[in-house]
């Protein structure tokens, strides 16, 4: 079965960095599009970034120039490098793929606070 397991979250000060990882299994990772979404308290889940099977990328305007999405097909792992973090980046971050239907990880908390 499809599994997506996020790791790497935590508490960081404004201006700091974190790298999220998403370990994938149960589907053909190397040929699958992958995305990151996030959900802040009291808000709807929102798109953060995506990467195609050919490693073309796209980003939400709010993270453009600060976040970088990447993938390691040899390790079936998706990454999100987050730099210059701001308090408004505080959210639960979710890994996502579409393989006949949408699949989501369990989410990982990222808190940006002084």
Protein backbone atom coordinates (compact mmCIF):
# COMPACT_ATOMS: atom_id res chain seq x y z
CA UNK A 1 0.00 0.00 0.00
CA UNK A 2 1.05 3.58 -0.56
CA UNK A 3 2.87 5.11 2.40
CA UNK A 4 4.24 8.62 2.81
CA UNK A 5 6.16 9.38 6.01
CA UNK A 6 7.33 12.92 6.73
CA UNK A 7 10.21 13.81 9.03
CA UNK A 8 12.47 16.76 9.84
CA UNK A 9 10.01 19.21 11.35
CA UNK A 10 10.44 21.11 14.59
CA UNK A 11 10.82 24.51 16.20
CA UNK A 12 13.03 27.13 14.57
CA UNK A 13 13.60 30.86 15.03
CA UNK A 14 12.66 33.34 12.29
CA UNK A 15 15.33 33.38 9.62
CA UNK A 16 16.28 29.79 10.33
CA UNK A 17 16.20 26.72 8.11
CA UNK A 18 14.74 23.24 8.15
CA UNK A 19 14.75 20.36 5.70
CA UNK A 20 11.70 18.14 5.52
CA UNK A 21 11.89 14.61 4.15
CA UNK A 22 9.14 12.32 2.90
CA UNK A 23 9.93 8.61 2.62
CA UNK A 24 7.70 7.00 0.01
CA UNK A 25 6.77 3.37 -0.62
CA UNK A 26 4.11 1.25 -2.31
CA UNK A 27 4.06 3.04 -5.67
CA UNK A 28 6.46 3.88 -8.51
CA UNK A 29 8.07 6.92 -6.91
CA UNK A 30 10.43 7.81 -9.74
CA UNK A 31 7.59 8.24 -12.24
CA UNK A 32 5.15 9.94 -9.87
CA UNK A 33 4.54 13.66 -9.34
CA UNK A 34 5.08 14.76 -5.74
CA UNK A 35 3.94 17.79 -3.78
CA UNK A 36 4.14 19.51 -0.43
CA UNK A 37 1.12 21.15 1.18
CA UNK A 38 0.67 22.81 4.55
CA UNK A 39 -2.15 23.66 6.92
CA UNK A 40 -1.92 26.42 9.49
CA UNK A 41 -4.21 26.52 12.55
CA UNK A 42 -7.69 27.65 11.56
CA UNK A 43 -6.86 27.70 7.85
CA UNK A 44 -7.42 25.40 4.91
CA UNK A 45 -4.68 23.19 3.56
CA UNK A 46 -2.67 25.04 0.91
CA UNK A 47 -0.26 24.16 -1.85
CA UNK A 48 3.43 24.79 -1.20
CA UNK A 49 5.44 23.21 -4.01
CA UNK A 50 5.49 20.37 -6.52
CA UNK A 51 7.99 18.41 -8.54
CA UNK A 52 7.29 16.32 -11.63
CA UNK A 53 8.81 12.97 -12.50
CA UNK A 54 11.29 14.88 -14.65
CA UNK A 55 12.12 17.20 -11.73
CA UNK A 56 10.38 20.29 -13.08
CA UNK A 57 9.31 22.34 -10.08
CA UNK A 58 6.72 24.90 -9.08
CA UNK A 59 6.13 26.96 -5.94
CA UNK A 60 3.49 28.98 -4.20
CA UNK A 61 4.24 32.69 -4.38
CA UNK A 62 4.53 32.87 -0.60
CA UNK A 63 7.56 30.54 -0.54
CA UNK A 64 9.19 31.43 -3.86
CA UNK A 65 12.92 32.00 -3.45
CA UNK A 66 12.99 30.58 0.10
CA UNK A 67 11.91 26.94 -0.31
CA UNK A 68 13.37 24.30 -2.63
CA UNK A 69 11.68 21.00 -3.46
CA UNK A 70 13.79 18.09 -4.65
CA UNK A 71 13.67 14.32 -4.97
CA UNK A 72 16.07 11.39 -4.74
CA UNK A 73 14.64 8.61 -6.86
CA UNK A 74 17.33 6.18 -5.68
CA UNK A 75 16.05 6.61 -2.11
CA UNK A 76 12.33 7.08 -2.92
CA UNK A 77 12.49 10.28 -0.90
CA UNK A 78 11.08 13.76 -1.39
CA UNK A 79 12.62 16.82 0.26
CA UNK A 80 11.67 20.39 1.07
CA UNK A 81 14.52 22.71 1.99
CA UNK A 82 13.08 25.71 3.81
CA UNK A 83 15.26 28.79 4.32
CA UNK A 84 14.58 32.22 5.79
CA UNK A 85 11.60 30.83 7.67
CA UNK A 86 8.93 33.25 8.87
CA UNK A 87 6.30 32.91 11.61
CA UNK A 88 3.65 32.66 8.90
CA UNK A 89 5.31 29.43 7.70
CA UNK A 90 4.13 27.77 10.92
CA UNK A 91 1.92 24.85 9.89
CA UNK A 92 1.61 21.12 9.60
CA UNK A 93 3.36 20.12 6.38
CA UNK A 94 2.06 17.22 4.28
CA UNK A 95 3.66 15.14 1.56
CA UNK A 96 1.31 14.27 -1.32
CA UNK A 97 1.22 12.14 -4.43
CA UNK A 98 -1.41 11.15 -6.96
CA UNK A 99 -1.38 7.46 -7.89
CA UNK A 100 -4.88 6.60 -9.10
CA UNK A 101 -6.04 8.77 -6.22
CA UNK A 102 -4.61 11.33 -3.82
CA UNK A 103 -2.42 10.08 -1.00
CA UNK A 104 -1.23 12.09 2.00
CA UNK A 105 1.35 11.60 4.70
CA UNK A 106 0.46 11.98 8.37
CA UNK A 107 1.93 15.48 8.47
CA UNK A 108 4.81 17.05 10.36
CA UNK A 109 4.70 20.16 12.53
CA UNK A 110 6.88 23.15 11.67
CA UNK A 111 6.84 26.01 14.16
CA UNK A 112 8.64 29.30 13.52
CA UNK A 113 8.80 31.41 16.66
CA UNK A 114 11.23 33.84 18.34
